[in-house]
Amino acid sequence: MSTAPRWRKSRHSGANTNCVEIDSTLTAIRDTKNPAAVLRFSDATMSRFLTRVARQS
């Protein structure tokens, strides 16, 4: 049985809608302004992406 993803966005976003959200499984991203358009990634791809983002911070 599949459950609907739980989406979260940065607490720094506040009420701003100019942000992206990540689902609770860390395998999908969507734009807050267009929640129907979802980008899905494999676990390995998302892991590589998050590692590179963390290095840039």
PDB file of N, CA and C in Angstrom:
ATOM      1  N   MET A   1       0.845  -1.184   0.000  1.00  0.00           N
ATOM      2  CA  MET A   1       0.000   0.000   0.000  1.00  0.00           C
ATOM      3  C   MET A   1       0.884   1.239   0.000  1.00  0.00           C
ATOM      4  N   SER A   2       0.665   2.129  -0.923  1.00  0.00           N
ATOM      5  CA  SER A   2       1.444   3.349  -1.032  1.00  0.00           C
ATOM      6  C   SER A   2       0.768   4.477  -0.262  1.00  0.00           C
ATOM      7  N   THR A   3       1.562   5.251   0.440  1.00  0.00           N
ATOM      8  CA  THR A   3       1.018   6.394   1.155  1.00  0.00           C
ATOM      9  C   THR A   3       1.452   7.673   0.454  1.00  0.00           C
ATOM     10  N   ALA A   4       0.676   8.711   0.622  1.00  0.00           N
ATOM     11  CA  ALA A   4       1.006   9.995   0.007  1.00  0.00           C
ATOM     12  C   ALA A   4       2.268  10.549   0.663  1.00  0.00           C
ATOM     13  N   PRO A   5       3.146  11.159  -0.130  1.00  0.00           N
ATOM     14  CA  PRO A   5       4.369  11.709   0.456  1.00  0.00           C
ATOM     15  C   PRO A   5       4.063  12.872   1.390  1.00  0.00           C
ATOM     16  N   ARG A   6       4.901  13.014   2.387  1.00  0.00           N
ATOM     17  CA  ARG A   6       4.815  14.172   3.274  1.00  0.00           C
ATOM     18  C   ARG A   6       5.892  15.148   2.827  1.00  0.00           C
ATOM     19  N   TRP A   7       5.473  16.318   2.437  1.00  0.00           N
ATOM     20  CA  TRP A   7       6.388  17.314   1.897  1.00  0.00           C
ATOM     21  C   TRP A   7       6.843  18.261   2.990  1.00  0.00           C
ATOM     22  N   ARG A   8       8.099  18.705   2.874  1.00  0.00           N
ATOM     23  CA  ARG A   8       8.603  19.690   3.823  1.00  0.00           C
ATOM     24  C   ARG A   8       9.465  20.706   3.078  1.00  0.00           C
ATOM     25  N   LYS A   9       9.491  21.902   3.608  1.00  0.00           N
ATOM     26  CA  LYS A   9      10.344  22.942   3.050  1.00  0.00           C
ATOM     27  C   LYS A   9      11.152  23.566   4.181  1.00  0.00           C
ATOM     28  N   SER A  10      12.140  24.296   3.822  1.00  0.00           N
ATOM     29  CA  SER A  10      13.023  24.900   4.813  1.00  0.00           C
ATOM     30  C   SER A  10      12.243  25.799   5.761  1.00  0.00           C
ATOM     31  N   ARG A  11      12.625  25.746   7.011  1.00  0.00           N
ATOM     32  CA  ARG A  11      11.971  26.637   7.985  1.00  0.00           C
ATOM     33  C   ARG A  11      12.321  28.090   7.696  1.00  0.00           C
ATOM     34  N   HIS A  12      13.350  28.324   6.901  1.00  0.00           N
ATOM     35  CA  HIS A  12      13.743  29.681   6.525  1.00  0.00           C
ATOM     36  C   HIS A  12      12.814  30.265   5.463  1.00  0.00           C
ATOM     37  N   SER A  13      11.965  29.437   4.868  1.00  0.00           N
ATOM     38  CA  SER A  13      11.051  29.893   3.822  1.00  0.00           C
ATOM     39  C   SER A  13       9.917  30.739   4.370  1.00  0.00           C
ATOM     40  N   GLY A  14       9.461  30.435   5.572  1.00  0.00           N
ATOM     41  CA  GLY A  14       8.330  31.159   6.141  1.00  0.00           C
ATOM     42  C   GLY A  14       7.102  31.014   5.268  1.00  0.00           C
ATOM     43  N   ALA A  15       6.425  32.106   5.012  1.00  0.00           N
ATOM     44  CA  ALA A  15       5.222  32.088   4.175  1.00  0.00           C
ATOM     45  C   ALA A  15       5.561  32.246   2.700  1.00  0.00           C
ATOM     46  N   ASN A  16       6.831  32.380   2.386  1.00  0.00           N
ATOM     47  CA  ASN A  16       7.280  32.572   1.014  1.00  0.00           C
ATOM     48  C   ASN A  16       6.947  31.342   0.173  1.00  0.00           C
ATOM     49  N   THR A  17       6.443  31.567  -1.031  1.00  0.00           N
ATOM     50  CA  THR A  17       6.137  30.442  -1.927  1.00  0.00           C
ATOM     51  C   THR A  17       7.213  30.233  -2.981  1.00  0.00           C
ATOM     52  N   ASN A  18       8.302  30.988  -2.903  1.00  0.00           N
ATOM     53  CA  ASN A  18       9.407  30.836  -3.854  1.00  0.00           C
ATOM     54  C   ASN A  18      10.431  29.846  -3.309  1.00  0.00           C
ATOM     55  N   CYS A  19      10.027  28.612  -3.201  1.00  0.00           N
ATOM     56  CA  CYS A  19      10.931  27.604  -2.653  1.00  0.00           C
ATOM     57  C   CYS A  19      10.590  26.238  -3.229  1.00  0.00           C
ATOM     58  N   VAL A  20      11.434  25.288  -2.920  1.00  0.00           N
ATOM     59  CA  VAL A  20      11.173  23.908  -3.298  1.00  0.00           C
ATOM     60  C   VAL A  20      10.924  23.101  -2.033  1.00  0.00           C
ATOM     61  N   GLU A  21      10.240  22.002  -2.207  1.00  0.00           N
ATOM     62  CA  GLU A  21       9.955  21.096  -1.099  1.00  0.00           C
ATOM     63  C   GLU A  21      10.551  19.735  -1.421  1.00  0.00           C
ATOM     64  N   ILE A  22      10.916  19.007  -0.398  1.00  0.00           N
ATOM     65  CA  ILE A  22      11.436  17.652  -0.554  1.00  0.00           C
ATOM     66  C   ILE A  22      10.509  16.705   0.201  1.00  0.00           C
ATOM     67  N   ASP A  23      10.281  15.529  -0.355  1.00  0.00           N
ATOM     68  CA  ASP A  23       9.375  14.606   0.325  1.00  0.00           C
ATOM     69  C   ASP A  23      10.113  13.888   1.463  1.00  0.00           C
ATOM     70  N   SER A  24       9.351  13.286   2.328  1.00  0.00           N
ATOM     71  CA  SER A  24       9.897  12.668   3.540  1.00  0.00           C
ATOM     72  C   SER A  24      10.822  11.491   3.259  1.00  0.00           C
ATOM     73  N   THR A  25      10.736  10.901   2.066  1.00  0.00           N
ATOM     74  CA  THR A  25      11.628   9.784   1.734  1.00  0.00           C
ATOM     75  C   THR A  25      12.923  10.275   1.084  1.00  0.00           C
ATOM     76  N   LEU A  26      13.022  11.583   0.848  1.00  0.00           N
ATOM     77  CA  LEU A  26      14.191  12.209   0.225  1.00  0.00           C
ATOM     78  C   LEU A  26      14.442  11.709  -1.192  1.00  0.00           C
ATOM     79  N   THR A  27      13.378  11.365  -1.920  1.00  0.00           N
ATOM     80  CA  THR A  27      13.544  10.912  -3.303  1.00  0.00           C
ATOM     81  C   THR A  27      12.731  11.725  -4.307  1.00  0.00           C
ATOM     82  N   ALA A  28      12.115  12.815  -3.860  1.00  0.00           N
ATOM     83  CA  ALA A  28      11.324  13.638  -4.778  1.00  0.00           C
ATOM     84  C   ALA A  28      11.388  15.101  -4.349  1.00  0.00           C
ATOM     85  N   ILE A  29      11.340  15.978  -5.356  1.00  0.00           N
ATOM     86  CA  ILE A  29      11.373  17.419  -5.137  1.00  0.00           C
ATOM     87  C   ILE A  29      10.250  18.042  -5.948  1.00  0.00           C
ATOM     88  N   ARG A  30       9.659  19.108  -5.404  1.00  0.00           N
ATOM     89  CA  ARG A  30       8.648  19.847  -6.170  1.00  0.00           C
ATOM     90  C   ARG A  30       8.745  21.336  -5.856  1.00  0.00           C
ATOM     91  N   ASP A  31       8.193  22.139  -6.738  1.00  0.00           N
ATOM     92  CA  ASP A  31       8.139  23.580  -6.574  1.00  0.00           C
ATOM     93  C   ASP A  31       6.864  23.907  -5.810  1.00  0.00           C
ATOM     94  N   THR A  32       6.963  24.724  -4.784  1.00  0.00           N
ATOM     95  CA  THR A  32       5.790  25.077  -3.973  1.00  0.00           C
ATOM     96  C   THR A  32       4.694  25.707  -4.823  1.00  0.00           C
ATOM     97  N   LYS A  33       5.077  26.490  -5.838  1.00  0.00           N
ATOM     98  CA  LYS A  33       4.081  27.156  -6.690  1.00  0.00           C
ATOM     99  C   LYS A  33       3.402  26.205  -7.655  1.00  0.00           C
ATOM    100  N   ASN A  34       4.012  25.047  -7.928  1.00  0.00           N
ATOM    101  CA  ASN A  34       3.459  24.082  -8.876  1.00  0.00           C
ATOM    102  C   ASN A  34       3.598  22.672  -8.288  1.00  0.00           C
ATOM    103  N   PRO A  35       2.823  22.355  -7.264  1.00  0.00           N
ATOM    104  CA  PRO A  35       2.999  21.085  -6.562  1.00  0.00           C
ATOM    105  C   PRO A  35       2.656  19.843  -7.381  1.00  0.00           C
ATOM    106  N   ALA A  36       1.975  20.001  -8.496  1.00  0.00           N
ATOM    107  CA  ALA A  36       1.632  18.831  -9.313  1.00  0.00           C
ATOM    108  C   ALA A  36       2.846  18.304 -10.078  1.00  0.00           C
ATOM    109  N   ALA A  37       3.826  19.161 -10.334  1.00  0.00           N
ATOM    110  CA  ALA A  37       5.028  18.753 -11.065  1.00  0.00           C
ATOM    111  C   ALA A  37       6.070  18.265 -10.059  1.00  0.00           C
ATOM    112  N   VAL A  38       6.323  16.962 -10.069  1.00  0.00           N
ATOM    113  CA  VAL A  38       7.233  16.349  -9.101  1.00  0.00           C
ATOM    114  C   VAL A  38       8.388  15.688  -9.840  1.00  0.00           C
ATOM    115  N   LEU A  39       9.596  15.955  -9.384  1.00  0.00           N
ATOM    116  CA  LEU A  39      10.784  15.285  -9.913  1.00  0.00           C
ATOM    117  C   LEU A  39      11.139  14.153  -8.959  1.00  0.00           C
ATOM    118  N   ARG A  40      11.234  12.938  -9.490  1.00  0.00           N
ATOM    119  CA  ARG A  40      11.558  11.776  -8.655  1.00  0.00           C
ATOM    120  C   ARG A  40      12.950  11.260  -9.024  1.00  0.00           C
ATOM    121  N   PHE A  41      13.667  10.812  -8.011  1.00  0.00           N
ATOM    122  CA  PHE A  41      15.036  10.345  -8.187  1.00  0.00           C
ATOM    123  C   PHE A  41      15.245   9.028  -7.459  1.00  0.00           C
ATOM    124  N   SER A  42      16.223   8.263  -7.921  1.00  0.00           N
ATOM    125  CA  SER A  42      16.591   7.043  -7.197  1.00  0.00           C
ATOM    126  C   SER A  42      17.296   7.453  -5.902  1.00  0.00           C
ATOM    127  N   ASP A  43      17.375   6.535  -4.959  1.00  0.00           N
ATOM    128  CA  ASP A  43      18.066   6.805  -3.700  1.00  0.00           C
ATOM    129  C   ASP A  43      19.514   7.218  -3.962  1.00  0.00           C
ATOM    130  N   ALA A  44      20.195   6.507  -4.846  1.00  0.00           N
ATOM    131  CA  ALA A  44      21.603   6.798  -5.126  1.00  0.00           C
ATOM    132  C   ALA A  44      21.793   8.184  -5.741  1.00  0.00           C
ATOM    133  N   THR A  45      20.930   8.546  -6.677  1.00  0.00           N
ATOM    134  CA  THR A  45      21.032   9.859  -7.313  1.00  0.00           C
ATOM    135  C   THR A  45      20.787  10.969  -6.307  1.00  0.00           C
ATOM    136  N   MET A  46      19.762  10.825  -5.477  1.00  0.00           N
ATOM    137  CA  MET A  46      19.460  11.857  -4.486  1.00  0.00           C
ATOM    138  C   MET A  46      20.581  11.957  -3.455  1.00  0.00           C
ATOM    139  N   SER A  47      21.163  10.851  -3.091  1.00  0.00           N
ATOM    140  CA  SER A  47      22.269  10.865  -2.135  1.00  0.00           C
ATOM    141  C   SER A  47      23.456  11.653  -2.687  1.00  0.00           C
ATOM    142  N   ARG A  48      23.783  11.411  -3.961  1.00  0.00           N
ATOM    143  CA  ARG A  48      24.878  12.154  -4.598  1.00  0.00           C
ATOM    144  C   ARG A  48      24.555  13.649  -4.658  1.00  0.00           C
ATOM    145  N   PHE A  49      23.334  13.979  -5.017  1.00  0.00           N
ATOM    146  CA  PHE A  49      22.908  15.380  -5.096  1.00  0.00           C
ATOM    147  C   PHE A  49      23.042  16.059  -3.735  1.00  0.00           C
ATOM    148  N   LEU A  50      22.506  15.447  -2.686  1.00  0.00           N
ATOM    149  CA  LEU A  50      22.548  16.052  -1.356  1.00  0.00           C
ATOM    150  C   LEU A  50      23.982  16.183  -0.844  1.00  0.00           C
ATOM    151  N   THR A  51      24.829  15.223  -1.173  1.00  0.00           N
ATOM    152  CA  THR A  51      26.235  15.310  -0.774  1.00  0.00           C
ATOM    153  C   THR A  51      26.912  16.499  -1.427  1.00  0.00           C
ATOM    154  N   ARG A  52      26.644  16.709  -2.701  1.00  0.00           N
ATOM    155  CA  ARG A  52      27.249  17.847  -3.408  1.00  0.00           C
ATOM    156  C   ARG A  52      26.706  19.172  -2.905  1.00  0.00           C
ATOM    157  N   VAL A  53      25.429  19.241  -2.628  1.00  0.00           N
ATOM    158  CA  VAL A  53      24.851  20.474  -2.085  1.00  0.00           C
ATOM    159  C   VAL A  53      25.481  20.793  -0.729  1.00  0.00           C
ATOM    160  N   ALA A  54      25.646  19.783   0.115  1.00  0.00           N
ATOM    161  CA  ALA A  54      26.239  19.993   1.434  1.00  0.00           C
ATOM    162  C   ALA A  54      27.669  20.524   1.315  1.00  0.00           C
ATOM    163  N   ARG A  55      28.415  20.054   0.331  1.00  0.00           N
ATOM    164  CA  ARG A  55      29.787  20.535   0.125  1.00  0.00           C
ATOM    165  C   ARG A  55      29.829  21.997  -0.278  1.00  0.00           C
ATOM    166  N   GLN A  56      28.788  22.461  -0.982  1.00  0.00           N
ATOM    167  CA  GLN A  56      28.731  23.843  -1.459  1.00  0.00           C
ATOM    168  C   GLN A  56      28.370  24.827  -0.354  1.00  0.00           C
ATOM    169  N   SER A  57      27.772  24.347   0.715  1.00  0.00           N
ATOM    170  CA  SER A  57      27.299  25.230   1.785  1.00  0.00           C
ATOM    171  C   SER A  57      28.428  25.737   2.640  1.00  0.00           C
TER     172      SER A  57
END
